[in-house]
Protein backbone atom coordinates (compact mmCIF):
# COMPACT_ATOMS: atom_id res chain seq x y z
CA MET A 1 81.76 66.74 -12.87
CA ASP A 2 81.91 64.14 -15.40
CA GLY A 3 82.88 61.69 -12.76
CA ILE A 4 79.88 62.54 -10.59
CA GLU A 5 77.54 62.31 -13.55
CA THR A 6 79.05 59.02 -14.52
CA ILE A 7 78.69 57.71 -10.99
CA THR A 8 75.17 59.07 -10.77
CA ALA A 9 74.28 57.60 -14.13
CA ARG A 10 75.74 54.28 -13.10
CA ILE A 11 73.83 54.35 -9.80
CA LEU A 12 70.64 55.15 -11.73
CA GLN A 13 71.34 52.29 -14.13
CA ASP A 14 72.00 49.90 -11.26
CA ASN A 15 68.83 51.11 -9.52
CA GLU A 16 66.79 50.70 -12.69
CA ALA A 17 68.23 47.22 -13.20
CA GLU A 18 67.43 46.39 -9.55
CA ILE A 19 63.90 47.80 -9.97
CA ARG A 20 63.38 45.74 -13.16
CA LYS A 21 64.73 42.66 -11.43
CA LEU A 22 62.48 43.22 -8.40
CA THR A 23 59.53 44.00 -10.66
CA GLU A 24 60.09 40.79 -12.65
CA GLN A 25 60.46 38.76 -9.44
CA SER A 26 57.31 40.39 -8.01
CA GLN A 27 55.39 39.70 -11.23
CA ALA A 28 56.61 36.09 -11.27
CA GLN A 29 55.64 35.66 -7.61
CA ALA A 30 52.26 37.31 -8.27
CA ALA A 31 51.69 35.03 -11.28
CA GLU A 32 52.68 32.00 -9.20
CA ILE A 33 50.38 33.06 -6.34
CA GLU A 34 47.58 33.78 -8.80
CA ALA A 35 48.03 30.37 -10.49
CA ARG A 36 48.10 28.60 -7.10
CA TYR A 37 44.94 30.35 -5.90
CA ALA A 38 43.24 29.80 -9.26
CA ALA A 39 44.02 26.07 -9.00
CA GLU A 40 42.75 26.00 -5.40
CA ALA A 41 39.62 27.90 -6.42
CA THR A 42 39.02 25.49 -9.30
CA ALA A 43 39.54 22.45 -7.04
CA LEU A 44 37.28 23.99 -4.38
CA SER A 45 34.55 24.82 -6.88
CA GLU A 46 34.78 21.29 -8.36
CA GLU A 47 34.51 19.82 -4.83
CA ILE A 48 31.52 22.05 -4.08
CA LEU A 49 29.91 20.97 -7.37
CA ARG A 50 30.62 17.28 -6.60
CA LYS A 51 29.13 17.60 -3.13
CA GLY A 52 26.17 19.51 -4.53
CA LYS A 53 25.56 16.87 -7.19
CA ARG A 54 25.91 14.09 -4.63
CA ALA A 55 23.52 15.88 -2.26
CA ALA A 56 21.08 16.45 -5.12
CA GLU A 57 21.28 12.78 -6.14
CA ASP A 58 20.79 11.67 -2.52
CA ARG A 59 17.81 13.98 -2.18
CA LYS A 60 16.41 12.76 -5.50
CA GLU A 61 16.77 9.13 -4.33
CA ARG A 62 15.10 9.91 -1.00
CA LEU A 63 12.26 11.77 -2.70
CA SER A 64 11.93 9.03 -5.31
CA GLY A 65 11.88 6.38 -2.56
CA ALA A 66 9.27 8.34 -0.62
CA ALA A 67 7.24 8.79 -3.81
CA GLN A 68 7.46 5.04 -4.54
CA ILE A 69 6.28 4.24 -1.01
CA GLU A 70 3.39 6.71 -1.37
CA ILE A 71 2.45 5.21 -4.75
CA LYS A 72 2.51 1.68 -3.27
CA LYS A 73 0.36 2.83 -0.34
CA ASN A 74 -2.14 4.43 -2.73
CA VAL A 75 -2.23 1.35 -4.98
CA LEU A 76 -2.72 -0.90 -1.93
CA ALA A 77 -5.53 1.33 -0.63
CA MET A 78 -7.16 1.27 -4.07
CA LYS A 79 -6.85 -2.53 -4.26
CA GLN A 80 -8.33 -2.92 -0.77
CA SER A 81 -11.17 -0.61 -1.72
CA LEU A 82 -11.85 -2.60 -4.89
CA LEU A 83 -11.72 -5.88 -2.96
CA GLU A 84 -14.18 -4.45 -0.44
CA GLN A 85 -16.44 -3.36 -3.30
CA ALA A 86 -16.22 -6.83 -4.88
CA PHE A 87 -17.26 -8.53 -1.64
CA GLN A 88 -20.00 -5.96 -1.01
CA ARG A 89 -21.28 -6.61 -4.53
CA ALA A 90 -21.25 -10.35 -3.80
CA LEU A 91 -23.28 -9.74 -0.62
CA SER A 92 -25.70 -7.54 -2.56
CA THR A 93 -26.02 -10.21 -5.27
CA LEU A 94 -26.76 -12.91 -2.68
CA THR A 95 -29.40 -10.84 -0.89
CA SER A 96 -31.14 -9.89 -4.12
CA LEU A 97 -31.42 -13.38 -5.61
CA PRO A 98 -34.85 -14.33 -6.93
CA GLU A 99 -37.01 -15.84 -4.17
CA ASP A 100 -36.75 -19.45 -5.33
CA GLU A 101 -32.97 -19.30 -5.68
CA TYR A 102 -32.63 -17.52 -2.34
CA ALA A 103 -34.76 -20.12 -0.57
CA ALA A 104 -32.81 -22.96 -2.24
CA LEU A 105 -29.55 -21.36 -1.06
CA LEU A 106 -30.86 -21.20 2.53
CA VAL A 107 -31.93 -24.86 2.34
CA ASN A 108 -28.45 -25.83 1.07
CA LEU A 109 -26.81 -23.89 3.91
CA ALA A 110 -29.04 -25.60 6.49
CA VAL A 111 -28.54 -29.13 5.12
CA SER A 112 -24.78 -28.85 4.55
CA ASN A 113 -24.07 -27.27 7.96
CA THR A 114 -26.32 -29.31 10.27
CA ARG A 115 -24.43 -31.66 12.57
CA ILE A 116 -27.21 -33.57 14.30
CA GLY A 117 -30.32 -32.64 12.30
CA GLN A 118 -32.11 -31.22 15.37
CA GLU A 119 -30.84 -27.63 15.34
CA GLN A 120 -33.00 -24.53 15.44
CA LEU A 121 -32.71 -22.27 12.41
CA ILE A 122 -32.31 -18.56 13.19
CA PHE A 123 -33.01 -16.00 10.47
CA SER A 124 -33.26 -12.23 10.15
CA GLN A 125 -36.75 -10.90 10.85
CA ALA A 126 -37.52 -10.44 7.15
CA ASP A 127 -36.16 -13.86 6.12
CA ARG A 128 -37.91 -15.64 9.03
CA THR A 129 -41.26 -14.22 7.96
CA ARG A 130 -40.70 -14.81 4.27
CA TYR A 131 -38.71 -18.06 4.08
CA GLY A 132 -38.47 -19.60 7.58
CA LYS A 133 -41.12 -22.34 7.45
CA LYS A 134 -40.46 -23.15 3.80
CA VAL A 135 -36.68 -23.57 4.43
CA VAL A 136 -37.18 -25.73 7.54
CA THR A 137 -39.64 -27.99 5.69
CA ALA A 138 -37.44 -28.32 2.57
CA ALA A 139 -34.25 -28.90 4.62
CA ASN A 140 -35.94 -31.63 6.74
CA SER A 141 -37.20 -33.26 3.56
CA ARG A 142 -33.66 -33.35 2.07
CA LEU A 143 -32.18 -34.67 5.31
CA GLU A 144 -34.83 -37.38 5.45
CA GLN A 145 -34.14 -38.38 1.83
CA ALA A 146 -30.44 -38.64 2.72
CA GLY A 147 -31.31 -40.93 5.66
CA ARG A 148 -30.26 -38.40 8.27
CA THR A 149 -32.09 -37.08 11.33
CA ALA A 150 -34.59 -34.51 10.08
CA LYS A 151 -35.86 -32.56 13.08
CA LEU A 152 -34.79 -29.00 12.26
CA THR A 153 -37.06 -26.35 13.78
CA LEU A 154 -37.70 -22.66 13.24
CA SER A 155 -36.38 -20.57 16.13
CA GLU A 156 -38.49 -17.78 17.60
CA THR A 157 -35.26 -15.80 17.91
CA VAL A 158 -34.26 -13.45 15.10
CA ARG A 159 -30.88 -11.84 14.52
CA SER A 160 -29.64 -8.77 12.74
CA MET A 161 -28.06 -10.05 9.52
CA LYS A 162 -28.20 -9.27 5.83
CA GLY A 163 -28.96 -12.84 4.84
CA GLY A 164 -28.21 -16.47 5.48
CA LEU A 165 -28.96 -18.29 8.73
CA ILE A 166 -27.59 -19.57 12.01
CA LEU A 167 -27.99 -23.16 13.20
CA ARG A 168 -28.26 -23.44 16.99
CA ASP A 169 -28.02 -26.59 19.08
CA GLY A 170 -28.20 -25.51 22.72
CA GLN A 171 -25.18 -23.28 23.32
CA VAL A 172 -23.49 -24.21 20.05
CA GLU A 173 -24.14 -22.05 17.00
CA VAL A 174 -22.96 -22.47 13.45
CA ASN A 175 -22.90 -19.06 11.76
CA CYS A 176 -23.95 -19.35 8.12
CA THR A 177 -24.80 -15.68 7.62
CA PHE A 178 -23.74 -14.27 4.28
CA GLU A 179 -21.58 -11.68 6.05
CA THR A 180 -19.61 -14.37 7.91
CA ILE A 181 -19.29 -16.65 4.88
CA LEU A 182 -18.02 -13.77 2.73
CA ARG A 183 -15.64 -12.58 5.47
CA LEU A 184 -14.14 -16.09 5.70
CA MET A 185 -13.98 -16.37 1.94
CA ARG A 186 -12.32 -12.97 1.75
CA ARG A 187 -9.69 -13.98 4.28
CA ASP A 188 -9.02 -17.28 2.49
CA SER A 189 -9.20 -16.06 -1.10
CA ALA A 190 -8.21 -12.38 -1.00
CA HIS A 191 -4.99 -13.12 -2.92
CA GLN A 192 -6.84 -15.02 -5.65
CA VAL A 193 -9.53 -12.33 -5.95
CA ALA A 194 -6.84 -9.64 -6.07
CA ALA A 195 -5.03 -11.58 -8.81
CA LEU A 196 -8.24 -11.73 -10.87
CA LEU A 197 -9.03 -8.06 -10.31
CA PHE A 198 -5.55 -6.71 -10.98
CA GLN A 199 -4.13 -8.87 -13.77
């Protein structure tokens, strides 16, 4: 019996040794697999984080760019509004000049814009009634003193305008209304006015 027990004991020892060996190999393989998957998981999570950061930065740049464009549009709209207000204030200032200054301005416009000295002067209804004859007389006087033809006349026609006048010679008209003068000035000097307003 001793022989059977010895053989059995030896078989058990061999089996235990085999089990230990297999267990160690299995644990080593499990550790290797676990390390490999942990490394892959770390690399994958780092890649996801990189992509997420890159996407966030791209989105931030797009939003920042859009915000900058919106800010520029708002600033431009504000500047245009202020320019419009400046020119409207200029028009209001011109139309509310004291009577003598206003009449002198109309005379200057007539004298400096006449080509032949025989034009008809067209005013708004209010300015025709208030200043028409006085402006025609004073403008003819200045033209005469300058040795030019002085046959300006007051037109029966009136026009809708805030101020200023129109010189008409047949079909040709020279528009010296305040609105037109300011519109031309605005077109020609908008950059300079903007520079003064927004220094």
